[in-house]
Amino acid sequence: MSTSPSPDPASGRILIDLFMTLDGVAQGPGGVDEDTSGGFHFSGWQAGHPSSAVGPEVEKGMQGLDALLLGRRTYDIFAAYWPHHTEGESGDIGRLFNRVPKYVATRDAGMSLDWEGSSRVGADLGAEIADLRARHREVHVIGSVDLVHTLLAEGLFDELNLWVYPILLGSGKKVFDDGALPSVLTLLEPAASDAEGVTLLRYGRTDRKPEVGTFDD
């Protein structure tokens, strides 16, 4: 399995943004019909535990976003929702998502891409990520757990932003599966929590590998 070299600091960045439970589940946070694959019974878990800080902080974190990279399932959800939500509380995000280019990681060449500004990637993800870095300042990957597994396995990301909810589900697709590339991440800023116990962790990718040893007596 190949890994990417450290990105040129002058090039664009790939940022992964995920809502995650304390036991690592990132499947179907937003709605009851979002993702029930594999018999998952807790789709919509995030909506049942509102946070006072997540909304404003998510918008703040998207200020530099100038492209989206999405898995197929997340793309379909976004394409059905955001073109119709450009006003009101989430209107700023809707207008941003509708304006920027959308890249869909799928090998299905016949997939319908009706959302304006959408195009397909996936034939050679490593080369295509390099091209996205050259064209954009900040490419955000939101949700898209299967795609995230590939990015983590290949080292094709620069920043991992995790909103960790104090919830245990016991099942579901997790952020880190058995294929994640062994690596040491660096905490980019102190963890921040709100009154509901939701904690934001921002990590940067490094080329360091985990080391093993024995504690001295």
Protein backbone atom coordinates (compact mmCIF):
# COMPACT_ATOMS: atom_id res chain seq x y z
CA MET A 1 0.00 0.00 0.00
CA SER A 2 1.49 3.33 -1.05
CA THR A 3 1.58 6.47 1.06
CA SER A 4 1.86 10.08 0.00
CA PRO A 5 4.86 12.24 0.88
CA SER A 6 4.49 15.28 3.10
CA PRO A 7 2.54 17.92 1.18
CA ASP A 8 4.24 21.06 -0.08
CA PRO A 9 3.36 23.76 2.48
CA ALA A 10 2.62 26.10 -0.45
CA SER A 11 0.01 23.71 -1.87
CA GLY A 12 -3.62 23.32 -0.91
CA ARG A 13 -4.75 21.22 2.03
CA ILE A 14 -7.15 18.30 2.43
CA LEU A 15 -9.24 18.63 5.61
CA ILE A 16 -11.43 15.82 6.97
CA ASP A 17 -14.41 16.97 9.09
CA LEU A 18 -16.33 14.33 11.04
CA PHE A 19 -18.91 13.98 13.77
CA MET A 20 -17.97 10.98 15.89
CA THR A 21 -19.19 9.17 19.00
CA LEU A 22 -16.87 8.44 21.91
CA ASP A 23 -16.48 4.85 20.65
CA GLY A 24 -15.45 6.08 17.20
CA VAL A 25 -18.69 5.69 15.19
CA ALA A 26 -19.18 8.25 12.40
CA GLN A 27 -22.00 6.54 10.52
CA GLY A 28 -25.26 8.37 9.85
CA PRO A 29 -25.05 11.25 12.35
CA GLY A 30 -27.50 13.66 10.76
CA GLY A 31 -30.80 11.93 10.01
CA VAL A 32 -32.75 8.73 10.62
CA ASP A 33 -32.57 7.76 6.94
CA GLU A 34 -29.02 8.96 6.33
CA ASP A 35 -27.21 5.61 6.56
CA THR A 36 -28.75 2.42 7.86
CA SER A 37 -26.40 0.13 5.93
CA GLY A 38 -25.17 -2.95 7.74
CA GLY A 39 -28.25 -2.94 9.94
CA PHE A 40 -27.20 0.28 11.70
CA HIS A 41 -30.00 1.28 14.10
CA PHE A 42 -28.78 4.67 15.30
CA SER A 43 -28.82 6.81 12.15
CA GLY A 44 -29.60 10.35 13.30
CA TRP A 45 -27.72 10.06 16.61
CA GLN A 46 -26.26 13.56 16.38
CA ALA A 47 -29.64 15.23 15.89
CA GLY A 48 -30.83 13.71 19.15
CA HIS A 49 -28.02 15.39 21.10
CA PRO A 50 -27.88 19.08 20.09
CA SER A 51 -24.80 21.14 20.85
CA SER A 52 -24.68 24.89 21.42
CA ALA A 53 -21.21 25.24 19.92
CA VAL A 54 -21.11 22.91 16.93
CA GLY A 55 -23.06 25.09 14.48
CA PRO A 56 -21.06 28.30 14.90
CA GLU A 57 -17.73 26.46 15.10
CA VAL A 58 -18.49 24.40 11.99
CA GLU A 59 -19.25 27.58 10.04
CA LYS A 60 -16.06 29.16 11.36
CA GLY A 61 -14.03 26.16 10.25
CA MET A 62 -15.42 26.42 6.72
CA GLN A 63 -14.31 30.02 6.11
CA GLY A 64 -11.40 28.89 3.94
CA LEU A 65 -13.27 26.09 2.15
CA ASP A 66 -13.12 26.41 -1.63
CA ALA A 67 -13.93 22.81 -2.70
CA LEU A 68 -15.68 19.69 -1.40
CA LEU A 69 -14.49 16.10 -1.78
CA LEU A 70 -17.28 13.67 -0.95
CA GLY A 71 -18.08 9.98 -1.03
CA ARG A 72 -21.01 8.92 -3.15
CA ARG A 73 -23.54 8.48 -0.33
CA THR A 74 -22.73 11.84 1.26
CA TYR A 75 -22.81 13.53 -2.14
CA ASP A 76 -26.31 12.21 -2.82
CA ILE A 77 -27.50 13.47 0.58
CA PHE A 78 -25.94 16.90 0.10
CA ALA A 79 -27.14 17.23 -3.50
CA ALA A 80 -30.73 16.54 -2.43
CA TYR A 81 -30.59 19.00 0.49
CA TRP A 82 -28.30 22.00 0.06
CA PRO A 83 -29.59 23.44 -3.24
CA HIS A 84 -32.89 24.03 -1.41
CA HIS A 85 -31.42 25.48 1.81
CA THR A 86 -29.76 28.78 0.95
CA GLU A 87 -31.68 30.97 3.39
CA GLY A 88 -32.23 31.00 7.13
CA GLU A 89 -29.95 29.65 9.83
CA SER A 90 -27.90 27.39 7.57
CA GLY A 91 -28.10 29.58 4.48
CA ASP A 92 -24.44 30.59 4.59
CA ILE A 93 -23.35 26.97 4.37
CA GLY A 94 -25.89 26.23 1.65
CA ARG A 95 -24.70 29.11 -0.51
CA LEU A 96 -21.07 28.12 0.04
CA PHE A 97 -21.65 24.47 -0.89
CA ASN A 98 -23.63 25.43 -3.97
CA ARG A 99 -20.92 27.85 -5.12
CA VAL A 100 -17.75 25.75 -4.76
CA PRO A 101 -16.67 22.80 -6.94
CA LYS A 102 -17.79 19.38 -5.71
CA TYR A 103 -15.64 16.29 -6.37
CA VAL A 104 -17.25 12.86 -5.93
CA ALA A 105 -15.04 9.86 -5.23
CA THR A 106 -16.67 7.00 -7.11
CA ARG A 107 -15.69 4.45 -9.73
CA ASP A 108 -19.19 4.59 -11.23
CA ALA A 109 -18.63 6.48 -14.48
CA GLY A 110 -22.38 6.52 -15.10
CA MET A 111 -23.28 8.21 -11.82
CA SER A 112 -25.61 11.16 -12.23
CA LEU A 113 -24.01 14.43 -11.09
CA ASP A 114 -26.83 16.95 -11.34
CA TRP A 115 -25.64 19.33 -8.62
CA GLU A 116 -24.03 22.28 -10.38
CA GLY A 117 -20.24 22.28 -10.17
CA SER A 118 -19.92 18.52 -9.59
CA SER A 119 -17.39 16.18 -11.18
CA ARG A 120 -16.13 12.66 -10.58
CA VAL A 121 -12.76 11.49 -9.22
CA GLY A 122 -11.61 8.04 -8.20
CA ALA A 123 -9.75 6.50 -11.13
CA ASP A 124 -6.40 7.38 -9.52
CA LEU A 125 -7.19 9.02 -6.19
CA GLY A 126 -3.58 9.77 -5.25
CA ALA A 127 -2.92 11.68 -8.48
CA GLU A 128 -6.31 13.38 -8.31
CA ILE A 129 -5.70 14.54 -4.73
CA ALA A 130 -2.41 16.08 -5.91
CA ASP A 131 -4.33 17.89 -8.64
CA LEU A 132 -6.90 19.16 -6.12
CA ARG A 133 -4.09 20.49 -3.94
CA ALA A 134 -2.74 22.42 -6.94
CA ARG A 135 -6.13 23.94 -7.75
CA HIS A 136 -7.61 24.69 -4.33
CA ARG A 137 -6.66 26.25 -1.01
CA GLU A 138 -8.82 24.09 1.29
CA VAL A 139 -10.62 20.95 0.16
CA HIS A 140 -12.96 19.65 2.87
CA VAL A 141 -14.09 16.04 3.17
CA ILE A 142 -17.30 15.95 5.21
CA GLY A 143 -18.77 12.67 6.43
CA SER A 144 -18.01 10.14 3.68
CA VAL A 145 -16.69 7.47 6.07
CA ASP A 146 -15.73 4.95 3.38
CA LEU A 147 -13.74 7.61 1.52
CA VAL A 148 -12.14 8.70 4.80
CA HIS A 149 -10.93 5.13 5.36
CA THR A 150 -9.09 5.33 2.02
CA LEU A 151 -7.60 8.75 2.77
CA LEU A 152 -6.40 7.59 6.19
CA ALA A 153 -4.94 4.39 4.74
CA GLU A 154 -3.03 6.27 2.04
CA GLY A 155 -2.04 9.32 4.10
CA LEU A 156 -3.94 11.56 1.67
CA PHE A 157 -4.98 14.27 4.12
CA ASP A 158 -3.50 17.17 6.05
CA GLU A 159 -5.92 17.84 8.89
CA LEU A 160 -8.40 15.68 10.78
CA ASN A 161 -11.14 17.55 12.65
CA LEU A 162 -13.25 15.42 14.98
CA TRP A 163 -16.36 16.54 16.82
CA VAL A 164 -16.57 13.90 19.54
CA TYR A 165 -19.96 13.37 21.19
CA PRO A 166 -20.20 11.75 24.66
CA ILE A 167 -22.24 8.87 23.25
CA LEU A 168 -21.54 5.13 23.01
CA LEU A 169 -23.34 3.22 20.26
CA GLY A 170 -21.50 -0.08 20.25
CA SER A 171 -21.89 -0.60 16.49
CA GLY A 172 -21.58 1.24 13.20
CA LYS A 173 -18.87 2.37 10.79
CA LYS A 174 -15.94 3.78 12.73
CA VAL A 175 -13.51 6.50 11.74
CA PHE A 176 -10.47 4.28 12.21
CA ASP A 177 -10.72 0.78 10.82
CA ASP A 178 -8.05 -1.90 10.59
CA GLY A 179 -6.63 -0.34 7.41
CA ALA A 180 -5.56 3.00 8.86
CA LEU A 181 -1.94 3.89 8.19
CA PRO A 182 0.15 3.63 11.40
CA SER A 183 1.10 7.23 12.13
CA VAL A 184 1.48 9.86 14.84
CA LEU A 185 -0.78 12.90 14.55
CA THR A 186 -0.11 16.28 16.10
CA LEU A 187 -2.71 18.24 18.08
CA LEU A 188 -3.06 21.61 16.35
CA GLU A 189 -4.78 23.42 19.21
CA PRO A 190 -6.07 22.61 22.70
CA ALA A 191 -9.26 20.53 22.75
CA ALA A 192 -12.41 22.63 23.12
CA SER A 193 -15.63 21.40 24.77
CA ASP A 194 -19.09 22.90 25.14
CA ALA A 195 -21.65 22.62 27.93
CA GLU A 196 -23.10 19.46 26.37
CA GLY A 197 -19.74 17.67 26.50
CA VAL A 198 -19.07 17.75 22.76
CA THR A 199 -15.32 18.08 22.19
CA LEU A 200 -13.51 19.38 19.12
CA LEU A 201 -10.14 17.78 18.36
CA ARG A 202 -8.01 19.12 15.52
CA TYR A 203 -5.09 16.98 14.39
CA GLY A 204 -2.48 17.47 11.71
CA ARG A 205 -0.83 14.66 9.76
CA THR A 206 2.87 13.98 10.18
CA ASP A 207 5.31 11.47 8.68
CA ARG A 208 6.15 10.06 12.11
CA LYS A 209 5.44 6.41 12.80
CA PRO A 210 4.48 4.92 16.18
CA GLU A 211 7.48 3.71 18.15
CA VAL A 212 7.59 0.74 20.47
CA GLY A 213 9.66 0.14 23.57
CA THR A 214 9.67 -0.98 27.16
CA PHE A 215 9.11 1.19 30.22
CA ASP A 216 12.10 1.37 32.55
CA ASP A 217 11.57 0.08 36.10
